[in-house]
């Protein structure tokens, strides 16, 4: 199957966004994909903010993107856009780091007022980075994500169903060769 890079753009160690991604990683792994998690917050701030392209953590992240067949990009929504740490990483990747890749954008937030952040903030940058196919993204409300006492994530039933469909569509898209890639 495919290699999937699962990128959490949350700056928080206790992030519901990161927990959601790791939860969804399990479904992708159960479908036979090799899933590689990447929490942007673990990349040293001096490398991200200093635009140190040669920093080992940036080099490693760049290599992970290059190796992946598909990329899941998850972010909390802040000020109607994706997170600053995610922006910092994307800015340091090669211009066409997503060329030939299938991408699934995901976002979490406290209000449905931010539901379009995927389409008007995140999708354009993913497109500019050459993504071959960006599947339908999904926005999950914070209230639909709860952390249990044991640290695992509980997802509301309606959100579980919707996320399952989105993940399954992404998984199916990984098996297809995009027309643009064939024509190029």
N, C-alpha and C. Protein backbone atom coordinates (compact mmCIF):
# COMPACT_ATOMS: atom_id res chain seq x y z
N UNK A 1 0.85 -1.18 0.00
CA UNK A 1 0.00 0.00 0.00
C UNK A 1 0.89 1.24 0.00
N UNK A 2 0.30 2.35 0.35
CA UNK A 2 0.98 3.64 0.26
C UNK A 2 1.66 4.05 1.56
N UNK A 3 2.64 4.93 1.42
CA UNK A 3 3.25 5.56 2.59
C UNK A 3 2.55 6.90 2.78
N UNK A 4 2.03 7.11 4.00
CA UNK A 4 1.27 8.31 4.33
C UNK A 4 2.02 9.08 5.42
N UNK A 5 2.28 10.35 5.14
CA UNK A 5 2.84 11.24 6.15
C UNK A 5 1.67 11.97 6.80
N UNK A 6 1.54 11.84 8.10
CA UNK A 6 0.44 12.43 8.86
C UNK A 6 0.98 13.59 9.69
N UNK A 7 0.72 14.82 9.21
CA UNK A 7 1.34 16.02 9.76
C UNK A 7 0.38 16.77 10.67
N UNK A 8 0.75 16.90 11.93
CA UNK A 8 -0.03 17.72 12.86
C UNK A 8 0.60 19.10 12.95
N UNK A 9 -0.19 20.11 12.59
CA UNK A 9 0.28 21.48 12.65
C UNK A 9 -0.10 22.19 13.93
N UNK A 10 -0.36 21.45 14.98
CA UNK A 10 -0.72 22.06 16.25
C UNK A 10 0.52 22.37 17.08
N UNK A 11 0.56 23.55 17.70
CA UNK A 11 1.70 23.89 18.56
C UNK A 11 1.59 23.30 19.96
N UNK A 12 0.46 22.70 20.30
CA UNK A 12 0.19 22.23 21.65
C UNK A 12 0.50 20.75 21.84
N UNK A 13 1.16 20.42 22.94
CA UNK A 13 1.46 19.02 23.25
C UNK A 13 0.20 18.24 23.63
N UNK A 14 -0.83 18.92 24.10
CA UNK A 14 -2.07 18.25 24.49
C UNK A 14 -3.18 18.50 23.47
N UNK A 15 -2.81 18.71 22.25
CA UNK A 15 -3.72 19.10 21.18
C UNK A 15 -4.74 18.03 20.81
N UNK A 16 -5.98 18.45 20.67
CA UNK A 16 -7.01 17.55 20.14
C UNK A 16 -6.74 17.26 18.67
N UNK A 17 -6.17 18.23 17.97
CA UNK A 17 -5.85 18.03 16.56
C UNK A 17 -4.85 16.89 16.40
N UNK A 18 -3.78 16.92 17.18
CA UNK A 18 -2.77 15.86 17.12
C UNK A 18 -3.36 14.51 17.51
N UNK A 19 -4.18 14.52 18.55
CA UNK A 19 -4.80 13.26 18.98
C UNK A 19 -5.73 12.72 17.89
N UNK A 20 -6.45 13.62 17.22
CA UNK A 20 -7.33 13.19 16.14
C UNK A 20 -6.51 12.56 15.01
N UNK A 21 -5.42 13.20 14.64
CA UNK A 21 -4.58 12.64 13.58
C UNK A 21 -4.04 11.26 13.96
N UNK A 22 -3.55 11.11 15.19
CA UNK A 22 -3.02 9.81 15.60
C UNK A 22 -4.14 8.77 15.63
N UNK A 23 -5.36 9.19 15.96
CA UNK A 23 -6.53 8.31 15.94
C UNK A 23 -6.82 7.86 14.50
N UNK A 24 -6.79 8.80 13.56
CA UNK A 24 -7.04 8.49 12.16
C UNK A 24 -5.90 7.68 11.54
N UNK A 25 -4.69 7.89 12.04
CA UNK A 25 -3.54 7.10 11.58
C UNK A 25 -3.80 5.61 11.76
N UNK A 26 -4.47 5.27 12.87
CA UNK A 26 -4.75 3.85 13.15
C UNK A 26 -5.65 3.25 12.07
N UNK A 27 -6.63 4.03 11.61
CA UNK A 27 -7.53 3.54 10.55
C UNK A 27 -6.75 3.34 9.25
N UNK A 28 -5.88 4.30 8.93
CA UNK A 28 -5.08 4.17 7.72
C UNK A 28 -4.13 2.97 7.81
N UNK A 29 -3.52 2.77 8.97
CA UNK A 29 -2.63 1.62 9.16
C UNK A 29 -3.41 0.31 9.04
N UNK A 30 -4.63 0.28 9.57
CA UNK A 30 -5.46 -0.92 9.48
C UNK A 30 -5.83 -1.23 8.03
N UNK A 31 -5.82 -0.20 7.18
CA UNK A 31 -6.10 -0.38 5.76
C UNK A 31 -4.85 -0.78 4.98
N UNK A 32 -3.74 -0.95 5.69
CA UNK A 32 -2.52 -1.44 5.08
C UNK A 32 -1.49 -0.39 4.72
N UNK A 33 -1.76 0.86 5.04
CA UNK A 33 -0.81 1.93 4.71
C UNK A 33 0.29 2.02 5.77
N UNK A 34 1.47 2.42 5.33
CA UNK A 34 2.57 2.71 6.24
C UNK A 34 2.42 4.18 6.64
N UNK A 35 2.08 4.44 7.89
CA UNK A 35 1.79 5.80 8.35
C UNK A 35 2.96 6.32 9.18
N UNK A 36 3.44 7.50 8.79
CA UNK A 36 4.53 8.16 9.51
C UNK A 36 3.99 9.44 10.14
N UNK A 37 3.94 9.51 11.47
CA UNK A 37 3.45 10.73 12.12
C UNK A 37 4.54 11.80 12.20
N UNK A 38 4.12 13.05 12.01
CA UNK A 38 5.03 14.17 12.16
C UNK A 38 4.29 15.28 12.90
N UNK A 39 4.74 15.58 14.11
CA UNK A 39 4.19 16.69 14.89
C UNK A 39 5.13 17.87 14.70
N UNK A 40 4.65 18.89 13.99
CA UNK A 40 5.50 20.04 13.66
C UNK A 40 6.05 20.68 14.93
N UNK A 41 5.31 20.64 16.02
CA UNK A 41 5.75 21.27 17.26
C UNK A 41 7.05 20.66 17.80
N UNK A 42 7.41 19.47 17.33
CA UNK A 42 8.65 18.83 17.79
C UNK A 42 9.88 19.32 17.03
N UNK A 43 9.66 20.04 15.95
CA UNK A 43 10.80 20.61 15.20
C UNK A 43 11.27 21.84 15.97
N UNK A 44 12.56 21.96 16.21
CA UNK A 44 13.06 23.09 16.99
C UNK A 44 12.62 24.44 16.43
N UNK A 45 12.17 25.30 17.34
CA UNK A 45 11.68 26.63 16.95
C UNK A 45 12.74 27.43 16.21
N UNK A 46 14.00 27.29 16.63
CA UNK A 46 15.05 28.06 15.97
C UNK A 46 15.21 27.66 14.50
N UNK A 47 14.93 26.40 14.19
CA UNK A 47 15.01 25.94 12.80
C UNK A 47 13.84 26.50 12.00
N UNK A 48 12.64 26.44 12.59
CA UNK A 48 11.44 26.94 11.89
C UNK A 48 11.46 28.45 11.72
N UNK A 49 11.68 29.15 12.82
CA UNK A 49 11.60 30.61 12.78
C UNK A 49 12.83 31.26 12.17
N UNK A 50 13.95 30.57 12.22
CA UNK A 50 15.18 31.10 11.63
C UNK A 50 15.35 30.68 10.18
N UNK A 51 14.34 29.97 9.64
CA UNK A 51 14.39 29.50 8.25
C UNK A 51 15.71 28.78 7.94
N UNK A 52 16.07 27.87 8.83
CA UNK A 52 17.32 27.13 8.69
C UNK A 52 17.07 25.86 7.85
N UNK A 53 17.17 26.02 6.54
CA UNK A 53 16.91 24.92 5.62
C UNK A 53 17.84 23.74 5.83
N UNK A 54 19.02 23.98 6.40
CA UNK A 54 20.01 22.92 6.59
C UNK A 54 19.93 22.26 7.96
N UNK A 55 19.05 22.75 8.82
CA UNK A 55 18.90 22.13 10.14
C UNK A 55 18.48 20.67 9.94
N UNK A 56 19.08 19.74 10.69
CA UNK A 56 18.76 18.32 10.52
C UNK A 56 17.26 18.01 10.61
N UNK A 57 16.54 18.70 11.47
CA UNK A 57 15.10 18.44 11.60
C UNK A 57 14.33 18.88 10.36
N UNK A 58 14.76 19.96 9.73
CA UNK A 58 14.12 20.44 8.49
C UNK A 58 14.48 19.51 7.34
N UNK A 59 15.74 19.09 7.28
CA UNK A 59 16.16 18.14 6.25
C UNK A 59 15.36 16.84 6.38
N UNK A 60 15.21 16.36 7.62
CA UNK A 60 14.45 15.13 7.85
C UNK A 60 12.99 15.30 7.44
N UNK A 61 12.36 16.41 7.82
CA UNK A 61 10.97 16.66 7.44
C UNK A 61 10.83 16.70 5.92
N UNK A 62 11.75 17.34 5.25
CA UNK A 62 11.73 17.42 3.79
C UNK A 62 11.82 16.02 3.18
N UNK A 63 12.68 15.18 3.75
CA UNK A 63 12.81 13.80 3.27
C UNK A 63 11.53 13.00 3.50
N UNK A 64 10.86 13.24 4.64
CA UNK A 64 9.60 12.54 4.92
C UNK A 64 8.54 12.91 3.88
N UNK A 65 8.46 14.18 3.55
CA UNK A 65 7.51 14.61 2.51
C UNK A 65 7.85 13.96 1.17
N UNK A 66 9.13 13.90 0.84
CA UNK A 66 9.55 13.32 -0.43
C UNK A 66 9.21 11.83 -0.51
N UNK A 67 9.32 11.12 0.59
CA UNK A 67 9.06 9.68 0.65
C UNK A 67 7.58 9.33 0.57
N UNK A 68 6.72 10.24 0.99
CA UNK A 68 5.30 9.94 1.13
C UNK A 68 4.58 9.89 -0.22
N UNK A 69 3.63 8.97 -0.30
CA UNK A 69 2.73 8.91 -1.45
C UNK A 69 1.54 9.84 -1.20
N UNK A 70 1.16 9.94 0.07
CA UNK A 70 0.05 10.78 0.46
C UNK A 70 0.38 11.52 1.73
N UNK A 71 -0.29 12.66 1.93
CA UNK A 71 -0.04 13.48 3.11
C UNK A 71 -1.38 13.89 3.72
N UNK A 72 -1.52 13.64 5.01
CA UNK A 72 -2.65 14.17 5.77
C UNK A 72 -2.11 15.38 6.51
N UNK A 73 -2.74 16.53 6.33
CA UNK A 73 -2.31 17.76 6.99
C UNK A 73 -3.43 18.19 7.92
N UNK A 74 -3.16 18.18 9.22
CA UNK A 74 -4.16 18.59 10.21
C UNK A 74 -3.71 19.83 10.95
N UNK A 75 -4.66 20.72 11.19
CA UNK A 75 -4.33 21.96 11.89
C UNK A 75 -5.51 22.44 12.71
N UNK A 76 -5.22 23.04 13.86
CA UNK A 76 -6.28 23.79 14.52
C UNK A 76 -6.46 25.09 13.75
N UNK A 77 -7.65 25.64 13.83
CA UNK A 77 -7.90 26.92 13.16
C UNK A 77 -7.72 28.03 14.19
N UNK A 78 -6.83 28.95 13.87
CA UNK A 78 -6.58 30.13 14.69
C UNK A 78 -6.80 31.36 13.81
N UNK A 79 -7.56 32.31 14.28
CA UNK A 79 -7.77 33.56 13.53
C UNK A 79 -8.19 33.27 12.09
N UNK A 80 -9.07 32.28 11.92
CA UNK A 80 -9.65 31.91 10.63
C UNK A 80 -8.64 31.34 9.63
N UNK A 81 -7.52 30.79 10.13
CA UNK A 81 -6.53 30.22 9.24
C UNK A 81 -5.82 29.05 9.92
N UNK A 82 -4.92 28.41 9.18
CA UNK A 82 -4.16 27.31 9.76
C UNK A 82 -3.08 27.86 10.69
N UNK A 83 -2.48 27.00 11.47
CA UNK A 83 -1.55 27.43 12.52
C UNK A 83 -0.25 28.01 11.96
N UNK A 84 0.36 28.85 12.76
CA UNK A 84 1.64 29.47 12.39
C UNK A 84 2.77 28.47 12.29
N UNK A 85 2.79 27.46 13.16
CA UNK A 85 3.87 26.47 13.08
C UNK A 85 3.77 25.66 11.79
N UNK A 86 2.54 25.37 11.36
CA UNK A 86 2.37 24.68 10.10
C UNK A 86 2.84 25.57 8.95
N UNK A 87 2.49 26.83 8.98
CA UNK A 87 2.92 27.79 7.96
C UNK A 87 4.45 27.85 7.91
N UNK A 88 5.08 27.90 9.09
CA UNK A 88 6.55 27.97 9.13
C UNK A 88 7.17 26.75 8.45
N UNK A 89 6.63 25.56 8.71
CA UNK A 89 7.17 24.35 8.07
C UNK A 89 6.93 24.37 6.57
N UNK A 90 5.71 24.66 6.16
CA UNK A 90 5.40 24.66 4.73
C UNK A 90 6.29 25.64 3.97
N UNK A 91 6.60 26.76 4.60
CA UNK A 91 7.47 27.75 3.96
C UNK A 91 8.89 27.24 3.74
N UNK A 92 9.32 26.28 4.53
CA UNK A 92 10.69 25.76 4.42
C UNK A 92 10.82 24.55 3.50
N UNK A 93 9.70 24.01 3.09
CA UNK A 93 9.74 22.87 2.18
C UNK A 93 9.99 23.35 0.75
N UNK A 94 10.51 22.48 -0.11
CA UNK A 94 10.68 22.86 -1.51
C UNK A 94 9.33 23.29 -2.11
N UNK A 95 9.40 24.17 -3.11
CA UNK A 95 8.18 24.72 -3.72
C UNK A 95 7.18 23.64 -4.12
N UNK A 96 7.65 22.54 -4.68
CA UNK A 96 6.76 21.49 -5.15
C UNK A 96 6.89 20.22 -4.30
N UNK A 97 6.95 20.39 -3.02
CA UNK A 97 7.10 19.26 -2.09
C UNK A 97 5.93 18.30 -2.14
N UNK A 98 4.77 18.75 -2.63
CA UNK A 98 3.60 17.88 -2.70
C UNK A 98 3.32 17.37 -4.11
N UNK A 99 4.23 17.61 -5.03
CA UNK A 99 4.04 17.17 -6.42
C UNK A 99 3.82 15.67 -6.48
N UNK A 100 2.77 15.27 -7.18
CA UNK A 100 2.47 13.86 -7.35
C UNK A 100 1.81 13.20 -6.16
N UNK A 101 1.50 13.96 -5.13
CA UNK A 101 0.95 13.39 -3.90
C UNK A 101 -0.55 13.64 -3.77
N UNK A 102 -1.21 12.71 -3.09
CA UNK A 102 -2.60 12.89 -2.71
C UNK A 102 -2.59 13.48 -1.32
N UNK A 103 -3.40 14.52 -1.10
CA UNK A 103 -3.37 15.25 0.17
C UNK A 103 -4.77 15.33 0.76
N UNK A 104 -4.85 15.12 2.06
CA UNK A 104 -6.09 15.26 2.81
C UNK A 104 -5.92 16.37 3.84
N UNK A 105 -6.61 17.51 3.65
CA UNK A 105 -6.56 18.58 4.65
C UNK A 105 -7.64 18.38 5.71
N UNK A 106 -7.25 18.50 6.97
CA UNK A 106 -8.17 18.39 8.11
C UNK A 106 -7.97 19.59 9.02
N UNK A 107 -9.04 20.03 9.66
CA UNK A 107 -8.93 21.14 10.60
C UNK A 107 -9.87 20.90 11.77
N UNK A 108 -9.50 21.48 12.90
CA UNK A 108 -10.35 21.46 14.09
C UNK A 108 -10.51 22.89 14.57
N UNK A 109 -11.62 23.13 15.22
CA UNK A 109 -11.86 24.47 15.74
C UNK A 109 -13.09 24.53 16.61
N UNK A 110 -13.24 25.64 17.27
CA UNK A 110 -14.32 25.80 18.23
C UNK A 110 -15.64 26.28 17.68
N UNK A 111 -15.67 26.68 16.41
CA UNK A 111 -16.88 27.27 15.86
C UNK A 111 -17.05 26.90 14.40
N UNK A 112 -18.30 26.68 13.98
CA UNK A 112 -18.55 26.41 12.57
C UNK A 112 -18.23 27.62 11.70
N UNK A 113 -18.01 28.76 12.33
CA UNK A 113 -17.62 29.96 11.57
C UNK A 113 -16.28 29.76 10.88
N UNK A 114 -15.51 28.77 11.32
CA UNK A 114 -14.18 28.52 10.74
C UNK A 114 -14.16 27.35 9.76
N UNK A 115 -15.31 26.82 9.43
CA UNK A 115 -15.36 25.62 8.61
C UNK A 115 -14.74 25.82 7.22
N UNK A 116 -14.78 27.01 6.69
CA UNK A 116 -14.22 27.26 5.36
C UNK A 116 -12.71 27.52 5.37
N UNK A 117 -12.09 27.50 6.53
CA UNK A 117 -10.65 27.74 6.60
C UNK A 117 -9.87 26.74 5.75
N UNK A 118 -10.37 25.53 5.63
CA UNK A 118 -9.68 24.54 4.80
C UNK A 118 -9.65 25.02 3.35
N UNK A 119 -10.78 25.47 2.85
CA UNK A 119 -10.87 25.83 1.44
C UNK A 119 -10.26 27.18 1.10
N UNK A 120 -10.37 28.16 1.98
CA UNK A 120 -9.83 29.48 1.60
C UNK A 120 -8.46 29.77 2.18
N UNK A 121 -7.98 28.99 3.12
CA UNK A 121 -6.65 29.24 3.69
C UNK A 121 -5.68 28.10 3.39
N UNK A 122 -6.07 26.87 3.67
CA UNK A 122 -5.13 25.75 3.55
C UNK A 122 -5.04 25.19 2.13
N UNK A 123 -6.15 24.96 1.49
CA UNK A 123 -6.15 24.36 0.15
C UNK A 123 -5.29 25.15 -0.86
N UNK A 124 -5.37 26.50 -0.89
CA UNK A 124 -4.53 27.22 -1.86
C UNK A 124 -3.03 26.98 -1.68
N UNK A 125 -2.55 26.91 -0.46
CA UNK A 125 -1.11 26.68 -0.27
C UNK A 125 -0.74 25.25 -0.65
N UNK A 126 -1.62 24.30 -0.38
CA UNK A 126 -1.34 22.92 -0.77
C UNK A 126 -1.31 22.80 -2.30
N UNK A 127 -2.21 23.50 -2.95
CA UNK A 127 -2.23 23.52 -4.42
C UNK A 127 -0.96 24.16 -4.97
N UNK A 128 -0.55 25.26 -4.36
CA UNK A 128 0.66 25.95 -4.85
C UNK A 128 1.91 25.09 -4.67
N UNK A 129 1.84 24.11 -3.78
CA UNK A 129 2.98 23.22 -3.55
C UNK A 129 2.93 21.99 -4.47
N UNK A 130 2.00 22.01 -5.42
CA UNK A 130 1.99 20.99 -6.46
C UNK A 130 1.22 19.72 -6.16
N UNK A 131 0.38 19.71 -5.13
CA UNK A 131 -0.38 18.49 -4.82
C UNK A 131 -1.09 17.98 -6.07
N UNK A 132 -0.95 16.69 -6.35
CA UNK A 132 -1.57 16.10 -7.53
C UNK A 132 -3.08 16.01 -7.35
N UNK A 133 -3.51 15.71 -6.13
CA UNK A 133 -4.93 15.55 -5.84
C UNK A 133 -5.18 15.90 -4.38
N UNK A 134 -6.02 16.88 -4.16
CA UNK A 134 -6.41 17.23 -2.80
C UNK A 134 -7.84 16.74 -2.62
N UNK A 135 -8.00 15.71 -1.80
CA UNK A 135 -9.34 15.16 -1.58
C UNK A 135 -10.14 16.10 -0.69
N UNK A 136 -11.44 15.85 -0.62
CA UNK A 136 -12.30 16.68 0.21
C UNK A 136 -11.78 16.67 1.65
N UNK A 137 -11.57 17.85 2.19
CA UNK A 137 -11.11 17.97 3.56
C UNK A 137 -12.26 17.86 4.54
N UNK A 138 -11.92 17.95 5.82
CA UNK A 138 -12.97 17.87 6.84
C UNK A 138 -12.61 18.75 8.02
N UNK A 139 -13.62 19.44 8.54
CA UNK A 139 -13.50 20.29 9.72
C UNK A 139 -14.25 19.61 10.86
N UNK A 140 -13.59 19.43 11.99
CA UNK A 140 -14.20 18.81 13.17
C UNK A 140 -14.26 19.83 14.30
N UNK A 141 -15.43 19.95 14.88
CA UNK A 141 -15.60 20.86 16.02
C UNK A 141 -14.90 20.31 17.26
N UNK A 142 -14.29 21.19 18.01
CA UNK A 142 -13.63 20.79 19.26
C UNK A 142 -14.57 20.03 20.18
N UNK A 143 -15.84 20.43 20.21
CA UNK A 143 -16.81 19.79 21.11
C UNK A 143 -17.05 18.32 20.75
N UNK A 144 -16.68 17.93 19.54
CA UNK A 144 -16.84 16.54 19.11
C UNK A 144 -15.62 15.67 19.43
N UNK A 145 -14.63 16.27 20.08
CA UNK A 145 -13.41 15.57 20.45
C UNK A 145 -13.18 15.69 21.95
N UNK A 146 -13.13 14.55 22.63
CA UNK A 146 -12.91 14.56 24.07
C UNK A 146 -11.76 13.62 24.41
N UNK A 147 -10.92 14.04 25.33
CA UNK A 147 -9.81 13.21 25.76
C UNK A 147 -10.24 12.45 27.01
N UNK A 148 -10.15 11.13 26.91
CA UNK A 148 -10.52 10.27 28.05
C UNK A 148 -9.43 10.33 29.11
N UNK A 149 -9.73 9.81 30.30
CA UNK A 149 -8.77 9.80 31.40
C UNK A 149 -7.48 9.06 31.05
N UNK A 150 -7.59 8.05 30.18
CA UNK A 150 -6.39 7.28 29.80
C UNK A 150 -5.61 7.93 28.66
N UNK A 151 -6.06 9.13 28.21
CA UNK A 151 -5.35 9.87 27.17
C UNK A 151 -5.81 9.57 25.75
N UNK A 152 -6.68 8.57 25.60
CA UNK A 152 -7.19 8.27 24.27
C UNK A 152 -8.27 9.27 23.89
N UNK A 153 -8.58 9.28 22.62
CA UNK A 153 -9.54 10.24 22.10
C UNK A 153 -10.91 9.60 21.91
N UNK A 154 -11.93 10.31 22.34
CA UNK A 154 -13.31 9.90 22.08
C UNK A 154 -13.87 10.89 21.07
N UNK A 155 -14.37 10.36 19.96
CA UNK A 155 -14.91 11.19 18.90
C UNK A 155 -16.42 10.97 18.86
N UNK A 156 -17.18 12.06 18.79
CA UNK A 156 -18.63 11.98 18.74
C UNK A 156 -19.06 11.09 17.57
N UNK A 157 -20.15 10.33 17.72
CA UNK A 157 -20.57 9.38 16.68
C UNK A 157 -20.73 9.99 15.28
N UNK A 158 -21.37 11.13 15.17
CA UNK A 158 -21.56 11.74 13.85
C UNK A 158 -20.22 12.12 13.22
N UNK A 159 -19.31 12.65 14.04
CA UNK A 159 -17.98 13.01 13.55
C UNK A 159 -17.19 11.76 13.18
N UNK A 160 -17.35 10.69 13.94
CA UNK A 160 -16.66 9.43 13.64
C UNK A 160 -17.07 8.93 12.27
N UNK A 161 -18.35 8.97 12.00
CA UNK A 161 -18.85 8.49 10.70
C UNK A 161 -18.31 9.35 9.55
N UNK A 162 -18.38 10.65 9.71
CA UNK A 162 -17.91 11.56 8.66
C UNK A 162 -16.41 11.41 8.43
N UNK A 163 -15.65 11.36 9.51
CA UNK A 163 -14.20 11.20 9.40
C UNK A 163 -13.83 9.86 8.76
N UNK A 164 -14.57 8.83 9.10
CA UNK A 164 -14.34 7.51 8.50
C UNK A 164 -14.51 7.56 6.99
N UNK A 165 -15.55 8.25 6.53
CA UNK A 165 -15.78 8.38 5.10
C UNK A 165 -14.66 9.16 4.42
N UNK A 166 -14.22 10.24 5.07
CA UNK A 166 -13.15 11.07 4.51
C UNK A 166 -11.85 10.27 4.42
N UNK A 167 -11.53 9.53 5.46
CA UNK A 167 -10.32 8.71 5.47
C UNK A 167 -10.41 7.62 4.41
N UNK A 168 -11.56 6.99 4.29
CA UNK A 168 -11.72 5.94 3.28
C UNK A 168 -11.59 6.50 1.86
N UNK A 169 -12.11 7.70 1.61
CA UNK A 169 -11.97 8.33 0.30
C UNK A 169 -10.50 8.66 0.01
N UNK A 170 -9.81 9.16 1.03
CA UNK A 170 -8.38 9.45 0.89
C UNK A 170 -7.61 8.17 0.59
N UNK A 171 -7.90 7.11 1.33
CA UNK A 171 -7.23 5.83 1.14
C UNK A 171 -7.47 5.31 -0.28
N UNK A 172 -8.69 5.41 -0.74
CA UNK A 172 -9.01 4.96 -2.11
C UNK A 172 -8.27 5.80 -3.14
N UNK A 173 -8.18 7.10 -2.90
CA UNK A 173 -7.50 8.00 -3.84
C UNK A 173 -6.01 7.71 -3.91
N UNK A 174 -5.43 7.18 -2.84
CA UNK A 174 -4.01 6.85 -2.85
C UNK A 174 -3.69 5.76 -3.86
N UNK A 175 -4.67 4.94 -4.15
CA UNK A 175 -4.46 3.84 -5.08
C UNK A 175 -4.61 4.23 -6.53
N UNK A 176 -5.04 5.45 -6.79
CA UNK A 176 -5.24 5.91 -8.17
C UNK A 176 -4.08 6.79 -8.62
N UNK A 177 -3.77 6.72 -9.88
CA UNK A 177 -2.76 7.60 -10.46
C UNK A 177 -3.47 8.83 -11.00
N UNK A 178 -3.18 10.01 -10.49
CA UNK A 178 -3.85 11.21 -10.98
C UNK A 178 -3.58 11.43 -12.47
N UNK A 179 -4.59 11.93 -13.18
CA UNK A 179 -4.45 12.17 -14.62
C UNK A 179 -3.32 13.13 -14.93
N UNK A 180 -3.13 14.14 -14.09
CA UNK A 180 -2.07 15.11 -14.33
C UNK A 180 -0.69 14.46 -14.27
N UNK A 181 -0.54 13.52 -13.36
CA UNK A 181 0.76 12.85 -13.23
C UNK A 181 1.04 11.98 -14.44
N UNK A 182 0.00 11.35 -14.99
CA UNK A 182 0.16 10.50 -16.16
C UNK A 182 0.49 11.35 -17.39
N UNK A 183 -0.20 12.50 -17.52
CA UNK A 183 -0.01 13.36 -18.67
C UNK A 183 1.35 14.05 -18.66
N UNK A 184 1.91 14.27 -17.44
CA UNK A 184 3.16 15.03 -17.34
C UNK A 184 4.29 14.15 -17.61
